[in-house]
Amino acid sequence: MTNPASTANGEAGNGVPPPVDELVLVQCKHFRCLAFRDKHGKWRSPFSKMELQNVVRVIEHNPN
C-alpha cells in the first residue's frame, strides 16, 4: 500500500482519485475510515452507504 500526499478533495497524491467502488482508507476532518467513491464521485461508507463529508485525503490506496 502507498501513502499518498494530502489533497483538498480526497484524491490520491498523484491527483487521480481511486477507481469507482474501490475501498480505500481515507482521512476525514475528525476520523479515519474505509470508504469508496460512488459513480457520482461522492465518498461513501462501505457499511452504511452514507455519504462522507469532508474527506481530506486518501491515506492508503493500492493501485494495481
N, C-alpha and C. Protein backbone atom coordinates (compact mmCIF):
# COMPACT_ATOMS: atom_id res chain seq x y z
N MET A 1 0.84 -1.17 0.00
CA MET A 1 0.00 0.00 0.00
C MET A 1 0.89 1.24 0.00
N THR A 2 0.37 2.30 -0.59
CA THR A 2 1.12 3.55 -0.62
C THR A 2 0.45 4.55 0.30
N ASN A 3 1.15 5.59 0.61
CA ASN A 3 0.62 6.66 1.44
C ASN A 3 0.65 7.96 0.65
N PRO A 4 -0.38 8.22 -0.14
CA PRO A 4 -0.40 9.42 -0.98
C PRO A 4 -0.39 10.70 -0.16
N ALA A 5 0.05 11.77 -0.78
CA ALA A 5 0.06 13.07 -0.14
C ALA A 5 -1.36 13.58 0.04
N SER A 6 -1.51 14.53 0.96
CA SER A 6 -2.82 15.12 1.23
C SER A 6 -3.28 16.01 0.08
N THR A 7 -4.58 15.99 -0.19
CA THR A 7 -5.17 16.89 -1.17
C THR A 7 -6.48 17.41 -0.62
N ALA A 8 -6.97 18.48 -1.19
CA ALA A 8 -8.19 19.11 -0.67
C ALA A 8 -9.45 18.31 -0.95
N ASN A 9 -9.46 17.49 -1.99
CA ASN A 9 -10.69 16.80 -2.38
C ASN A 9 -10.65 15.30 -2.16
N GLY A 10 -9.67 14.81 -1.43
CA GLY A 10 -9.62 13.39 -1.13
C GLY A 10 -9.02 12.54 -2.23
N GLU A 11 -8.41 13.14 -3.23
CA GLU A 11 -7.77 12.37 -4.29
C GLU A 11 -6.44 11.85 -3.79
N ALA A 12 -5.92 10.85 -4.46
CA ALA A 12 -4.59 10.33 -4.15
C ALA A 12 -3.57 11.42 -4.46
N GLY A 13 -2.36 11.27 -3.95
CA GLY A 13 -1.31 12.27 -4.10
C GLY A 13 -0.96 12.59 -5.53
N ASN A 14 -1.22 11.68 -6.47
CA ASN A 14 -0.91 11.95 -7.86
C ASN A 14 -2.02 12.72 -8.56
N GLY A 15 -3.07 13.14 -7.80
CA GLY A 15 -4.16 13.93 -8.36
C GLY A 15 -5.25 13.10 -9.01
N VAL A 16 -5.11 11.78 -8.97
CA VAL A 16 -6.10 10.89 -9.58
C VAL A 16 -6.82 10.13 -8.47
N PRO A 17 -8.14 10.25 -8.40
CA PRO A 17 -8.86 9.53 -7.35
C PRO A 17 -8.85 8.03 -7.63
N PRO A 18 -9.02 7.21 -6.60
CA PRO A 18 -9.11 5.76 -6.81
C PRO A 18 -10.30 5.44 -7.71
N PRO A 19 -10.27 4.29 -8.37
CA PRO A 19 -11.40 3.89 -9.22
C PRO A 19 -12.71 3.81 -8.43
N VAL A 20 -13.81 3.97 -9.12
CA VAL A 20 -15.15 3.87 -8.51
C VAL A 20 -15.28 2.51 -7.84
N ASP A 21 -15.90 2.50 -6.67
CA ASP A 21 -16.19 1.30 -5.87
C ASP A 21 -14.98 0.61 -5.26
N GLU A 22 -13.78 1.20 -5.36
CA GLU A 22 -12.61 0.60 -4.73
C GLU A 22 -12.49 1.09 -3.29
N LEU A 23 -12.35 0.15 -2.35
CA LEU A 23 -12.21 0.51 -0.94
C LEU A 23 -10.82 1.07 -0.66
N VAL A 24 -10.78 2.20 0.02
CA VAL A 24 -9.53 2.82 0.43
C VAL A 24 -9.70 3.36 1.85
N LEU A 25 -8.60 3.63 2.51
CA LEU A 25 -8.62 4.26 3.82
C LEU A 25 -8.50 5.76 3.61
N VAL A 26 -9.45 6.53 4.16
CA VAL A 26 -9.44 7.97 3.98
C VAL A 26 -9.37 8.69 5.32
N GLN A 27 -8.84 9.90 5.28
CA GLN A 27 -8.81 10.79 6.44
C GLN A 27 -9.90 11.82 6.25
N CYS A 28 -10.86 11.85 7.19
CA CYS A 28 -11.88 12.89 7.20
C CYS A 28 -11.45 13.94 8.21
N LYS A 29 -12.28 14.91 8.47
CA LYS A 29 -11.89 16.00 9.35
C LYS A 29 -11.50 15.53 10.75
N HIS A 30 -12.27 14.61 11.34
CA HIS A 30 -12.01 14.19 12.72
C HIS A 30 -11.79 12.69 12.88
N PHE A 31 -11.73 11.93 11.79
CA PHE A 31 -11.57 10.48 11.91
C PHE A 31 -11.05 9.89 10.61
N ARG A 32 -10.66 8.62 10.69
CA ARG A 32 -10.25 7.85 9.52
C ARG A 32 -11.21 6.70 9.36
N CYS A 33 -11.45 6.28 8.12
CA CYS A 33 -12.35 5.15 7.90
C CYS A 33 -12.15 4.59 6.50
N LEU A 34 -12.71 3.39 6.29
CA LEU A 34 -12.76 2.84 4.94
C LEU A 34 -13.84 3.59 4.17
N ALA A 35 -13.60 3.77 2.89
CA ALA A 35 -14.58 4.47 2.06
C ALA A 35 -14.40 4.05 0.61
N PHE A 36 -15.39 4.38 -0.20
CA PHE A 36 -15.29 4.18 -1.64
C PHE A 36 -15.98 5.35 -2.32
N ARG A 37 -15.59 5.61 -3.57
CA ARG A 37 -16.24 6.64 -4.37
C ARG A 37 -17.34 5.98 -5.18
N ASP A 38 -18.53 6.60 -5.19
CA ASP A 38 -19.62 6.06 -6.00
C ASP A 38 -19.49 6.58 -7.43
N LYS A 39 -20.42 6.20 -8.30
CA LYS A 39 -20.33 6.58 -9.71
C LYS A 39 -20.50 8.08 -9.94
N HIS A 40 -20.94 8.81 -8.89
CA HIS A 40 -21.09 10.27 -8.97
C HIS A 40 -19.90 10.99 -8.34
N GLY A 41 -18.89 10.23 -7.87
CA GLY A 41 -17.70 10.82 -7.28
C GLY A 41 -17.83 11.16 -5.81
N LYS A 42 -18.91 10.75 -5.17
CA LYS A 42 -19.11 11.03 -3.75
C LYS A 42 -18.48 9.91 -2.93
N TRP A 43 -17.84 10.29 -1.82
CA TRP A 43 -17.27 9.31 -0.90
C TRP A 43 -18.37 8.73 -0.03
N ARG A 44 -18.37 7.40 0.12
CA ARG A 44 -19.40 6.73 0.90
C ARG A 44 -18.79 5.68 1.82
N SER A 45 -19.48 5.42 2.92
CA SER A 45 -19.10 4.35 3.84
C SER A 45 -19.47 3.01 3.19
N PRO A 46 -18.58 2.02 3.26
CA PRO A 46 -18.92 0.72 2.67
C PRO A 46 -19.96 -0.04 3.49
N PHE A 47 -20.18 0.36 4.72
CA PHE A 47 -21.09 -0.36 5.61
C PHE A 47 -22.51 0.20 5.55
N SER A 48 -22.64 1.51 5.68
CA SER A 48 -23.97 2.13 5.70
C SER A 48 -24.34 2.77 4.37
N LYS A 49 -23.38 2.94 3.49
CA LYS A 49 -23.56 3.62 2.19
C LYS A 49 -23.87 5.10 2.35
N MET A 50 -23.74 5.63 3.57
CA MET A 50 -23.97 7.06 3.80
C MET A 50 -22.81 7.86 3.20
N GLU A 51 -23.14 9.06 2.70
CA GLU A 51 -22.12 9.93 2.14
C GLU A 51 -21.22 10.46 3.25
N LEU A 52 -19.92 10.46 3.00
CA LEU A 52 -18.95 11.01 3.95
C LEU A 52 -18.63 12.44 3.54
N GLN A 53 -18.70 13.34 4.49
CA GLN A 53 -18.38 14.74 4.26
C GLN A 53 -16.95 15.01 4.68
N ASN A 54 -16.32 15.98 4.06
CA ASN A 54 -15.00 16.47 4.44
C ASN A 54 -13.91 15.42 4.38
N VAL A 55 -13.88 14.62 3.30
CA VAL A 55 -12.75 13.71 3.09
C VAL A 55 -11.56 14.58 2.73
N VAL A 56 -10.51 14.50 3.54
CA VAL A 56 -9.34 15.35 3.37
C VAL A 56 -8.32 14.70 2.42
N ARG A 57 -8.10 13.39 2.60
CA ARG A 57 -7.11 12.72 1.75
C ARG A 57 -7.30 11.21 1.78
N VAL A 58 -6.73 10.58 0.79
CA VAL A 58 -6.65 9.13 0.75
C VAL A 58 -5.39 8.75 1.50
N ILE A 59 -5.52 7.91 2.53
CA ILE A 59 -4.38 7.50 3.34
C ILE A 59 -3.71 6.28 2.73
N GLU A 60 -4.50 5.27 2.40
CA GLU A 60 -3.95 4.06 1.80
C GLU A 60 -4.76 3.68 0.57
N HIS A 61 -4.04 3.48 -0.50
CA HIS A 61 -4.64 3.08 -1.78
C HIS A 61 -3.65 2.17 -2.46
N ASN A 62 -4.10 1.03 -2.91
CA ASN A 62 -3.22 0.07 -3.57
C ASN A 62 -3.54 0.03 -5.05
N PRO A 63 -2.96 0.95 -5.85
CA PRO A 63 -3.25 0.93 -7.29
C PRO A 63 -2.62 -0.28 -7.94
N ASN A 64 -3.38 -0.98 -8.74
CA ASN A 64 -2.84 -2.16 -9.44
C ASN A 64 -2.77 -1.91 -10.92
